Protein backbone atom coordinates (compact mmCIF):
# COMPACT_ATOMS: atom_id res chain seq x y z
CA MET A 1 14.21 33.06 -0.63
CA GLN A 2 12.55 29.78 -1.90
CA LEU A 3 11.66 29.36 -5.50
CA PRO A 4 8.01 28.63 -6.18
CA ILE A 5 8.93 25.67 -8.32
CA VAL A 6 10.58 23.64 -5.41
CA PRO A 7 7.35 22.81 -3.56
CA LEU A 8 5.63 21.86 -6.75
CA VAL A 9 8.45 19.48 -7.68
CA LEU A 10 8.62 17.94 -4.22
CA ASN A 11 4.80 17.47 -4.05
CA THR A 12 4.82 15.98 -7.54
CA ALA A 13 7.54 13.57 -6.69
CA THR A 14 5.61 12.63 -3.53
CA ALA A 15 2.56 12.01 -5.48
CA LEU A 16 4.28 9.93 -8.18
CA SER A 17 6.05 7.76 -5.41
CA VAL A 18 2.68 7.14 -3.78
CA VAL A 19 1.25 5.96 -7.16
CA VAL A 20 4.21 3.75 -7.76
CA ILE A 21 4.02 2.04 -4.31
CA TYR A 22 0.34 1.72 -4.70
CA VAL A 23 0.54 -0.05 -8.22
CA LEU A 24 3.34 -2.30 -6.95
CA SER A 25 1.60 -3.37 -3.80
CA PHE A 26 -1.75 -3.83 -5.73
CA TYR A 27 0.04 -5.95 -8.25
CA LEU A 28 1.55 -8.03 -5.52
CA VAL A 29 -1.94 -8.47 -3.88
CA LYS A 30 -3.70 -9.49 -7.16
CA LYS A 31 -1.03 -11.99 -8.03
CA LYS A 32 -0.90 -13.30 -4.47
CA LYS A 33 2.84 -13.11 -4.46
CA GLU A 34 4.75 -11.98 -1.35
CA PRO A 35 1.83 -11.10 0.86
CA VAL A 36 4.02 -9.89 3.70
CA VAL A 37 5.72 -7.49 1.36
CA SER A 38 2.42 -6.18 0.06
CA LEU A 39 1.33 -5.70 3.69
CA ILE A 40 4.36 -3.73 4.53
CA LEU A 41 3.97 -1.67 1.39
CA GLY A 42 0.30 -1.03 2.34
CA LEU A 43 1.32 0.07 5.89
CA ALA A 44 4.04 2.24 4.35
CA GLN A 45 1.49 4.08 2.24
CA ILE A 46 -0.43 5.49 5.11
CA PRO A 47 1.60 8.58 5.81
CA PHE A 48 2.08 9.36 2.15
CA PHE A 49 -1.68 9.23 1.39
CA ILE A 50 -2.43 11.37 4.49
CA HIS A 51 0.18 13.96 3.39
CA ALA A 52 -0.81 13.93 -0.27
CA GLY A 53 -4.49 14.13 0.56
CA MET A 54 -3.98 17.00 3.07
CA THR A 55 -1.72 18.84 0.83
CA PHE A 56 -3.80 18.76 -2.29
CA LEU A 57 -7.30 18.35 -1.04
CA GLY A 58 -7.57 19.15 2.64
CA VAL A 59 -7.90 17.20 5.96
CA ILE A 60 -11.05 15.19 5.12
CA ALA A 61 -9.63 14.14 1.84
CA GLY A 62 -6.38 13.15 3.51
CA LEU A 63 -8.24 11.00 5.93
CA SER A 64 -10.45 9.44 3.37
CA ALA A 65 -7.38 8.57 1.25
CA LEU A 66 -6.68 5.89 3.90
CA ILE A 67 -9.19 3.72 2.09
CA PHE A 68 -6.53 2.84 -0.56
CA PRO A 69 -3.83 1.51 1.89
CA ALA A 70 -6.63 -0.13 3.93
CA VAL A 71 -7.74 -2.16 0.89
CA ILE A 72 -4.20 -3.27 0.28
CA ILE A 73 -3.66 -4.15 3.98
CA VAL A 74 -6.92 -6.13 4.25
CA LEU A 75 -6.21 -8.11 1.03
CA SER A 76 -2.69 -8.83 2.13
CA ILE A 77 -3.82 -10.22 5.46
CA GLY A 78 -6.32 -12.44 3.53
CA ASN A 79 -3.47 -13.61 1.32
CA ILE A 80 -1.25 -14.40 4.31
CA ARG A 81 -4.14 -16.39 5.97
CA ASN A 82 -4.82 -18.25 2.66
CA GLN A 83 -1.07 -19.05 2.29
CA SER A 84 -0.85 -20.30 5.85
CA ALA A 85 -3.91 -22.48 5.39
CA SER A 86 -2.65 -24.03 2.23
CA ARG A 87 0.76 -24.77 3.85
CA ALA A 88 -1.00 -26.36 6.87
CA ALA A 89 -3.03 -28.47 4.38
CA VAL A 90 -0.04 -29.64 2.51
CA GLN A 91 1.82 -30.50 5.67
CA SER A 92 -1.08 -32.44 7.05
CA ASP A 93 -1.27 -34.35 3.81
CA GLY A 94 2.20 -35.43 4.33
CA ARG A 95 3.59 -33.96 1.11
CA LEU A 96 5.75 -30.82 0.90
């Protein structure tokens, strides 16, 4: 027999971990630090957002929750491109 408190605790822990990962990756994206790490965190959020959305709100909400990791992924790719372009500009200028 399973206690009713266990699923509540597990779902709450999952939701809190999703929030922590999202805040950390959004911070990294906004500060333009470690774009590859923020990209990996964005990709890692996808299953958590689908699970949390489906658990609490249903299938459509779970799929629409993919907007949050998608924003992080797109911004991370943009930061990686900007970082690569700035490195190329510095190298072509002859200074490191």
